[in-house]
Amino acid sequence: MTSGLPCPICEGPDRRGSLERSLRVLAVDDEAPALEDLTYLLRSDPRIAHVEAVTDATKALRVLHRAMDAGQPLDAVFLDIRMPGLDGLDLARVLSRFAQPPPVVFVTAHQQPAVEAFELKALDYLLKPVRQERLAESVHRIVHEVWDSKTAAEPTTPPPAQPAGSTPPEMGDEVIPVELGGVTRFIRLADIRYVEAHGDYARLHTATGSGLVRAALNGLEERWRSAGFVRIHRSHLVSLGHIDELRLEDGHLSVTIGGAVLPVSRRHARHLRQLLVRRARPAPVAGPAGVLQPRNGLGS
């Protein structure tokens, strides 16, 4: 199941300062103590920004439609199965007919409906009492479900033209889930200095470290072009705004970004030079030892 949702942004007055919290989820359970426990555990997870809690499927549908109408669709639904009236399986069938169905995680005390739950393409199936570490695994799956949905989505209209190397505000605030030592963290697109290919994965480098995402470099190049990212090598994608130096030594071109020296292939060299010259105000001037030192906007 894919949610078709954009990678969510963080809530709160200072989104940039609370990037670990970005998911918005719905919890549904007709038993108040169980709902309170689940809500508490969800709010304790650093990746979750907001939890809606309701006691039946009808209220859940109202909340989901209200969120979609507000342009802030929920990222996942944690759903009890045995409820009076419309039960959890019935609600999941309704959600599956949404144009962009949210991932569903069933939370129940009963093992019997598991087969039917997964036939409905449930993202996960948790048994009560829910353990924090098991819930964290479900949240981890949701993070990647949301991210994969976004990277697979095709843009319906071409983005407006942007100056070379500039980052549209809405793209700069985009947050991406990355793997850091087995823990999922969120980083801002505007903080990514360069991207390195790692087979089926890509490693995103920032000033404070790096992390992996399951995405091909070609896809990221296409997606982030309007945010000022450019391909310089078959293994590297760089942010123009983070380039410190453009070096030409012994006939080989390279760029320096935060101390890292990255090679520029001949295939990409001319295009990169054109972008840097177009971006520079004034144009880059020759420095010592064949170094072109960017001015006014090319520094990190």
Protein backbone atom coordinates (compact mmCIF):
# COMPACT_ATOMS: atom_id res chain seq x y z
CA MET A 1 0.00 0.00 0.00
CA THR A 2 1.25 3.42 -0.82
CA SER A 3 -0.06 6.60 0.64
CA GLY A 4 0.74 8.87 -2.31
CA LEU A 5 1.44 11.60 0.21
CA PRO A 6 4.23 14.14 0.04
CA CYS A 7 7.02 13.76 2.51
CA PRO A 8 5.46 15.49 5.51
CA ILE A 9 6.66 18.70 7.09
CA CYS A 10 7.01 19.33 10.73
CA GLU A 11 4.38 21.09 12.77
CA GLY A 12 4.98 23.86 15.27
CA PRO A 13 6.06 27.47 15.07
CA ASP A 14 9.65 26.55 14.23
CA ARG A 15 9.60 23.67 11.78
CA ARG A 16 13.34 23.84 11.18
CA GLY A 17 14.08 23.37 14.86
CA SER A 18 11.91 20.27 15.30
CA LEU A 19 12.68 18.17 12.26
CA GLU A 20 12.58 14.88 14.12
CA ARG A 21 8.81 15.30 14.51
CA SER A 22 7.00 15.29 11.18
CA LEU A 23 4.46 12.45 10.91
CA ARG A 24 0.74 13.07 11.50
CA VAL A 25 -1.22 9.95 12.41
CA LEU A 26 -4.68 8.82 13.51
CA ALA A 27 -5.40 6.28 16.29
CA VAL A 28 -8.77 4.50 16.37
CA ASP A 29 -9.98 2.29 19.24
CA ASP A 30 -13.38 2.03 20.94
CA GLU A 31 -11.80 1.17 24.33
CA ALA A 32 -10.67 4.35 26.09
CA PRO A 33 -7.78 2.81 28.13
CA ALA A 34 -6.32 1.12 25.05
CA LEU A 35 -6.68 4.32 23.02
CA GLU A 36 -4.97 6.35 25.74
CA ASP A 37 -2.07 3.88 25.92
CA LEU A 38 -1.61 3.85 22.15
CA THR A 39 -1.81 7.63 21.92
CA TYR A 40 0.76 8.00 24.68
CA LEU A 41 3.19 5.63 22.93
CA LEU A 42 2.74 7.35 19.58
CA ARG A 43 3.35 10.79 21.07
CA SER A 44 6.50 9.46 22.73
CA ASP A 45 8.01 8.61 19.33
CA PRO A 46 10.33 11.42 18.14
CA ARG A 47 9.21 10.98 14.53
CA ILE A 48 5.56 11.76 15.22
CA ALA A 49 4.40 15.37 15.38
CA HIS A 50 0.67 15.01 15.85
CA VAL A 51 -1.75 12.27 16.94
CA GLU A 52 -5.52 12.41 16.41
CA ALA A 53 -7.46 9.95 18.59
CA VAL A 54 -11.06 8.82 18.00
CA THR A 55 -13.26 6.03 19.34
CA ASP A 56 -15.03 4.75 16.23
CA ALA A 57 -14.73 4.38 12.47
CA THR A 58 -17.29 7.06 11.63
CA LYS A 59 -15.36 9.68 13.57
CA ALA A 60 -12.15 8.43 11.94
CA LEU A 61 -13.57 9.06 8.47
CA ARG A 62 -14.60 12.57 9.48
CA VAL A 63 -11.09 13.32 10.75
CA LEU A 64 -9.48 11.90 7.59
CA HIS A 65 -11.73 13.91 5.26
CA ARG A 66 -11.25 17.08 7.30
CA ALA A 67 -7.46 16.67 7.10
CA MET A 68 -7.60 16.13 3.33
CA ASP A 69 -9.85 19.15 2.84
CA ALA A 70 -7.33 21.23 4.81
CA GLY A 71 -4.52 20.05 2.53
CA GLN A 72 -2.82 18.16 5.37
CA PRO A 73 -3.70 14.48 4.85
CA LEU A 74 -2.73 12.15 7.68
CA ASP A 75 0.26 9.91 7.10
CA ALA A 76 -1.06 6.69 8.68
CA VAL A 77 -3.94 5.13 10.61
CA PHE A 78 -3.44 2.90 13.69
CA LEU A 79 -6.63 0.90 13.78
CA ASP A 80 -8.30 -1.49 16.21
CA ILE A 81 -10.20 -4.33 14.53
CA ARG A 82 -13.09 -5.30 16.79
CA MET A 83 -15.27 -2.22 17.24
CA PRO A 84 -19.06 -1.78 17.32
CA GLY A 85 -20.72 -0.70 14.09
CA LEU A 86 -18.14 -0.27 11.33
CA ASP A 87 -15.18 -2.38 12.50
CA GLY A 88 -11.50 -1.92 11.67
CA LEU A 89 -11.52 -4.27 8.68
CA ASP A 90 -14.55 -2.48 7.23
CA LEU A 91 -12.85 0.88 7.67
CA ALA A 92 -9.69 -0.41 6.02
CA ARG A 93 -11.77 -1.48 2.99
CA VAL A 94 -13.21 2.02 2.78
CA LEU A 95 -9.74 3.57 3.02
CA SER A 96 -8.42 1.29 0.27
CA ARG A 97 -10.81 3.03 -2.14
CA PHE A 98 -9.33 6.46 -1.42
CA ALA A 99 -7.41 8.00 -4.30
CA GLN A 100 -4.43 8.21 -1.94
CA PRO A 101 -5.08 5.67 0.83
CA PRO A 102 -3.05 6.16 4.02
CA PRO A 103 -1.00 3.22 5.32
CA VAL A 104 -2.94 1.18 7.89
CA VAL A 105 -1.42 -0.45 10.98
CA PHE A 106 -3.83 -2.77 12.78
CA VAL A 107 -3.60 -2.79 16.59
CA THR A 108 -5.58 -5.62 18.16
CA ALA A 109 -5.66 -8.22 20.90
CA HIS A 110 -6.64 -10.96 18.45
CA GLN A 111 -4.45 -12.94 16.06
CA GLN A 112 -7.28 -14.49 14.04
CA PRO A 113 -7.95 -11.55 11.66
CA ALA A 114 -4.26 -11.25 10.67
CA VAL A 115 -4.65 -13.02 7.33
CA GLU A 116 -7.59 -10.86 6.31
CA ALA A 117 -5.73 -7.76 7.50
CA PHE A 118 -2.78 -8.42 5.24
CA GLU A 119 -5.09 -9.25 2.34
CA LEU A 120 -6.18 -5.64 2.78
CA LYS A 121 -2.50 -4.69 2.39
CA ALA A 122 -2.02 -3.55 5.97
CA LEU A 123 1.41 -2.07 6.54
CA ASP A 124 1.76 -3.84 9.92
CA TYR A 125 -0.15 -5.85 12.53
CA LEU A 126 0.46 -5.15 16.22
CA LEU A 127 -0.79 -7.26 19.10
CA LYS A 128 -1.93 -5.70 22.36
CA PRO A 129 -0.43 -4.83 24.75
CA VAL A 130 1.70 -2.81 22.35
CA ARG A 131 5.40 -2.63 23.15
CA GLN A 132 7.25 0.62 22.46
CA GLU A 133 10.03 -1.08 20.48
CA ARG A 134 7.51 -2.95 18.31
CA LEU A 135 5.57 0.26 17.67
CA ALA A 136 8.83 1.94 16.67
CA GLU A 137 9.23 -0.67 13.91
CA SER A 138 5.81 0.25 12.55
CA VAL A 139 6.66 3.94 12.56
CA HIS A 140 9.88 3.13 10.74
CA ARG A 141 7.85 1.41 8.01
CA ILE A 142 5.52 4.39 7.77
CA VAL A 143 8.45 6.78 7.33
CA HIS A 144 9.72 4.83 4.35
CA GLU A 145 6.24 4.27 2.92
CA VAL A 146 5.66 8.03 2.85
CA TRP A 147 9.10 8.73 1.40
CA ASP A 148 8.82 6.02 -1.27
CA SER A 149 5.42 7.36 -2.29
CA LYS A 150 6.86 10.80 -2.77
CA THR A 151 9.89 9.75 -4.79
CA ALA A 152 7.69 7.59 -7.04
CA ALA A 153 5.14 10.34 -7.70
CA GLU A 154 5.19 12.01 -11.10
CA PRO A 155 4.82 15.82 -11.11
CA THR A 156 1.55 16.83 -12.77
CA THR A 157 2.75 20.27 -13.87
CA PRO A 158 6.25 21.54 -14.58
CA PRO A 159 7.71 23.62 -11.75
CA PRO A 160 8.19 27.35 -12.34
CA ALA A 161 11.60 28.41 -13.59
CA GLN A 162 14.12 29.14 -10.84
CA PRO A 163 17.45 30.95 -10.99
CA ALA A 164 20.36 28.54 -11.31
CA GLY A 165 21.24 27.07 -7.95
CA SER A 166 18.32 28.62 -6.07
CA THR A 167 16.08 26.57 -3.81
CA PRO A 168 12.33 27.28 -3.84
CA PRO A 169 11.23 27.86 -0.22
CA GLU A 170 8.81 24.93 -0.24
CA MET A 171 11.56 22.59 -1.44
CA GLY A 172 14.15 23.88 1.00
CA ASP A 173 11.80 23.03 3.86
CA GLU A 174 11.26 19.50 2.54
CA VAL A 175 12.46 16.90 5.01
CA ILE A 176 13.86 13.50 4.09
CA PRO A 177 14.05 10.42 6.34
CA VAL A 178 17.55 8.92 6.41
CA GLU A 179 19.19 5.97 8.13
CA LEU A 180 21.83 6.92 10.69
CA GLY A 181 23.24 3.97 12.59
CA GLY A 182 19.97 2.06 12.48
CA VAL A 183 17.93 5.09 13.57
CA THR A 184 15.71 7.14 11.27
CA ARG A 185 16.29 10.88 11.38
CA PHE A 186 14.96 13.74 9.28
CA ILE A 187 17.13 16.27 7.45
CA ARG A 188 16.18 19.34 5.44
CA LEU A 189 16.77 19.33 1.71
CA ALA A 190 18.41 22.76 2.01
CA ASP A 191 21.03 21.27 4.39
CA ILE A 192 22.18 18.57 1.95
CA ARG A 193 25.58 19.45 0.49
CA TYR A 194 26.04 16.56 -1.90
CA VAL A 195 24.73 13.08 -2.64
CA GLU A 196 26.80 9.97 -3.24
CA ALA A 197 25.58 6.84 -5.07
CA HIS A 198 25.61 3.59 -3.08
CA GLY A 199 24.08 0.94 -5.31
CA ASP A 200 20.31 0.98 -4.77
CA TYR A 201 20.81 3.65 -2.09
CA ALA A 202 22.07 7.21 -1.99
CA ARG A 203 24.09 8.75 0.83
CA LEU A 204 23.08 12.31 1.69
CA HIS A 205 25.89 14.44 3.14
CA THR A 206 25.29 17.44 5.39
CA ALA A 207 27.56 19.57 7.58
CA THR A 208 26.88 17.29 10.56
CA GLY A 209 27.05 13.83 8.99
CA SER A 210 25.46 11.59 6.39
CA GLY A 211 22.66 9.07 6.03
CA LEU A 212 21.22 6.61 3.53
CA VAL A 213 17.96 6.72 1.60
CA ARG A 214 16.66 4.04 -0.73
CA ALA A 215 16.67 6.03 -3.96
CA ALA A 216 18.59 6.06 -7.21
CA LEU A 217 20.82 9.03 -8.00
CA ASN A 218 19.07 9.53 -11.37
CA GLY A 219 15.73 9.94 -9.64
CA LEU A 220 17.08 12.42 -7.10
CA GLU A 221 18.79 14.38 -9.86
CA GLU A 222 15.48 14.81 -11.67
CA ARG A 223 13.50 15.54 -8.53
CA TRP A 224 15.91 18.07 -7.00
CA ARG A 225 17.08 19.86 -10.15
CA SER A 226 14.88 22.88 -9.42
CA ALA A 227 16.35 23.02 -5.90
CA GLY A 228 19.83 23.70 -7.31
CA PHE A 229 21.26 20.19 -7.46
CA VAL A 230 23.40 19.21 -10.43
CA ARG A 231 25.12 16.00 -11.52
CA ILE A 232 28.91 16.29 -11.67
CA HIS A 233 29.83 12.61 -11.91
CA ARG A 234 28.10 9.25 -12.27
CA SER A 235 28.54 8.88 -8.49
CA HIS A 236 27.86 12.42 -7.27
CA LEU A 237 25.07 14.98 -7.20
CA VAL A 238 25.93 18.35 -5.61
CA SER A 239 24.10 21.43 -4.36
CA LEU A 240 25.38 24.48 -6.24
CA GLY A 241 24.82 26.67 -3.21
CA HIS A 242 27.26 24.62 -1.13
CA ILE A 243 30.19 24.62 -3.57
CA ASP A 244 33.21 26.39 -2.03
CA GLU A 245 35.73 26.02 -4.85
CA LEU A 246 36.06 24.84 -8.42
CA ARG A 247 39.56 23.44 -9.02
CA LEU A 248 41.43 22.67 -12.22
CA GLU A 249 44.65 20.75 -11.55
CA ASP A 250 46.62 18.71 -14.10
CA GLY A 251 43.71 18.87 -16.49
CA HIS A 252 41.25 17.40 -13.94
CA LEU A 253 38.30 19.39 -12.65
CA SER A 254 36.95 19.02 -9.12
CA VAL A 255 34.76 20.86 -6.62
CA THR A 256 35.33 21.42 -2.92
CA ILE A 257 32.33 21.24 -0.60
CA GLY A 258 32.89 21.59 3.13
CA GLY A 259 36.35 20.05 2.93
CA ALA A 260 35.34 17.19 0.61
CA VAL A 261 36.95 17.19 -2.83
CA LEU A 262 34.71 15.63 -5.49
CA PRO A 263 35.75 14.86 -9.08
CA VAL A 264 33.90 16.39 -12.00
CA SER A 265 33.68 14.18 -15.09
CA ARG A 266 34.40 15.69 -18.50
CA ARG A 267 30.85 14.90 -19.53
CA HIS A 268 29.46 17.24 -16.84
CA ALA A 269 32.25 19.84 -16.66
CA ARG A 270 30.94 22.32 -19.23
CA HIS A 271 27.41 22.38 -17.82
CA LEU A 272 28.72 22.86 -14.28
CA ARG A 273 30.92 25.79 -15.33
CA GLN A 274 27.99 27.44 -17.08
CA LEU A 275 25.78 27.12 -14.01
CA LEU A 276 28.44 28.49 -11.68
CA VAL A 277 29.24 31.45 -13.90
CA ARG A 278 25.54 32.22 -14.32
CA ARG A 279 25.02 32.03 -10.57
CA ALA A 280 28.05 34.10 -9.54
CA ARG A 281 27.60 37.84 -9.02
CA PRO A 282 30.21 38.92 -10.03
CA ALA A 283 31.63 35.94 -11.91
CA PRO A 284 34.26 33.72 -10.24
CA VAL A 285 37.81 35.09 -10.32
CA ALA A 286 41.02 33.13 -10.58
CA GLY A 287 42.74 32.46 -7.28
CA PRO A 288 46.12 30.92 -6.48
CA ALA A 289 47.07 27.45 -7.70
CA GLY A 290 44.43 27.38 -10.42
CA VAL A 291 41.54 27.71 -7.97
CA LEU A 292 38.35 29.50 -8.97
CA GLN A 293 36.95 31.12 -5.85
CA PRO A 294 33.20 31.79 -6.06
CA ARG A 295 31.78 35.06 -4.72
CA ASN A 296 28.41 36.28 -3.48
CA GLY A 297 26.36 33.15 -3.19
CA LEU A 298 28.67 30.26 -4.02
CA GLY A 299 30.10 29.86 -0.55
CA SER A 300 28.52 27.40 1.85
